[in-house]
Every structure is written in structure tokens, then in C-alpha cells.
């Protein structure tokens, strides 16, 4: 993705979905079915899926994904997240 960095993608995600993305919103963004996303999160086979699962935040029974973390993971900038404490 030329000219796209995690900050610009994060802004686009926040403008479209808000600061926290629900599972249906994440599935839409990743162009996956909701069932496929849920299965992948239960049985992560690659690093990006594992990182998305770790970034998930539960609010009651619902699961949300911070837009900033999604942007960094999708663009492969997750290495910068290593050692950063959750706020």
C-alpha cells in the first residue's frame, strides 16, 4: 500500500467505524465473513490473526478491536507495538 501509514489508516478506520471496531465491522474491513473471522480468531494460524486476537477488548459479552491496533497490524507495523503497555 503506497502512501498509506498506520496513522492515516487509523484515521480512516476511526472516521468509518469509530475508535473501537466490532467483529462485524472488522470482518467487513478485512472482506471476510463474520463466521470466518470468528473461526480464525478461535484458531489463529498466522501472526497477524494472533495479534488481532491479542488486541481484542471485551466489553461485557462483546469483543472490540482498537482501530489503531488494527491499522498497525494490517500494515505490518506491529513490531513497533512490542513492549508497549496497553493504555
Protein backbone atom coordinates (compact mmCIF):
# COMPACT_ATOMS: atom_id res chain seq x y z
CA UNK A 1 0.00 0.00 0.00
CA UNK A 2 1.80 3.05 -1.25
CA UNK A 3 1.39 6.27 0.69
CA UNK A 4 -0.54 4.62 3.49
CA UNK A 5 0.82 4.59 7.01
CA UNK A 6 -0.77 3.40 10.20
CA UNK A 7 -1.82 6.90 11.26
CA UNK A 8 -3.70 7.65 8.04
CA UNK A 9 -5.31 4.18 8.01
CA UNK A 10 -6.21 4.59 11.69
CA UNK A 11 -7.89 7.93 10.91
CA UNK A 12 -9.85 6.33 8.05
CA UNK A 13 -10.95 3.46 10.30
CA UNK A 14 -11.99 5.82 13.09
CA UNK A 15 -13.92 8.03 10.64
CA UNK A 16 -15.78 5.00 9.30
CA UNK A 17 -16.15 2.71 12.35
CA UNK A 18 -15.20 4.72 15.44
CA UNK A 19 -12.27 4.07 17.83
CA UNK A 20 -13.37 0.50 18.55
CA UNK A 21 -14.37 -1.89 15.78
CA UNK A 22 -16.90 -4.64 16.43
CA UNK A 23 -16.40 -8.11 14.96
CA UNK A 24 -18.87 -7.46 12.12
CA UNK A 25 -17.05 -4.22 11.28
CA UNK A 26 -13.65 -5.92 11.36
CA UNK A 27 -14.98 -8.70 9.14
CA UNK A 28 -16.28 -6.11 6.66
CA UNK A 29 -12.96 -4.25 6.65
CA UNK A 30 -10.99 -7.47 6.11
CA UNK A 31 -13.51 -8.63 3.47
CA UNK A 32 -14.26 -11.84 5.37
CA UNK A 33 -17.45 -13.43 6.54
CA UNK A 34 -18.30 -13.00 10.21
CA UNK A 35 -18.24 -16.78 10.74
CA UNK A 36 -14.85 -16.99 9.03
CA UNK A 37 -13.44 -14.21 11.21
CA UNK A 38 -14.76 -15.83 14.39
CA UNK A 39 -13.28 -19.19 13.41
CA UNK A 40 -9.92 -17.58 12.61
CA UNK A 41 -9.89 -15.82 15.98
CA UNK A 42 -10.60 -19.10 17.77
CA UNK A 43 -7.88 -20.95 15.84
CA UNK A 44 -5.23 -18.36 14.85
CA UNK A 45 -2.74 -19.80 12.35
CA UNK A 46 -0.73 -16.73 11.39
CA UNK A 47 0.91 -13.90 13.26
CA UNK A 48 -1.49 -11.16 12.17
CA UNK A 49 -4.51 -13.15 13.33
CA UNK A 50 -2.82 -13.89 16.64
CA UNK A 51 -2.01 -10.19 17.08
CA UNK A 52 -5.59 -9.18 16.27
CA UNK A 53 -6.86 -11.68 18.83
CA UNK A 54 -4.46 -10.28 21.46
CA UNK A 55 -5.57 -6.70 20.66
CA UNK A 56 -9.23 -7.55 21.28
CA UNK A 57 -11.01 -5.84 24.15
CA UNK A 58 -14.09 -7.34 25.75
CA UNK A 59 -16.95 -5.15 26.91
CA UNK A 60 -19.42 -7.47 28.53
CA UNK A 61 -20.03 -10.24 26.01
CA UNK A 62 -18.96 -8.16 23.03
CA UNK A 63 -15.49 -8.08 21.52
CA UNK A 64 -13.99 -4.88 20.09
CA UNK A 65 -10.74 -4.13 18.29
CA UNK A 66 -8.97 -0.76 18.67
CA UNK A 67 -8.74 0.97 15.28
CA UNK A 68 -5.10 1.96 15.89
CA UNK A 69 -4.04 -1.59 16.64
CA UNK A 70 -5.93 -2.92 13.59
CA UNK A 71 -4.20 -0.36 11.35
CA UNK A 72 -0.72 -1.23 12.65
CA UNK A 73 -1.31 -4.98 12.40
CA UNK A 74 -2.79 -4.83 8.89
CA UNK A 75 0.11 -2.71 7.64
CA UNK A 76 2.68 -4.93 9.33
CA UNK A 77 3.85 -2.25 11.74
CA UNK A 78 3.03 -4.43 14.75
CA UNK A 79 6.73 -4.82 15.59
CA UNK A 80 6.62 -1.25 16.86
CA UNK A 81 3.90 -2.33 19.31
CA UNK A 82 6.15 -4.87 21.05
CA UNK A 83 6.95 -3.72 24.57
CA UNK A 84 4.28 -1.02 24.53
CA UNK A 85 1.95 -1.27 27.51
CA UNK A 86 -1.80 -1.09 26.96
CA UNK A 87 -3.29 2.23 27.95
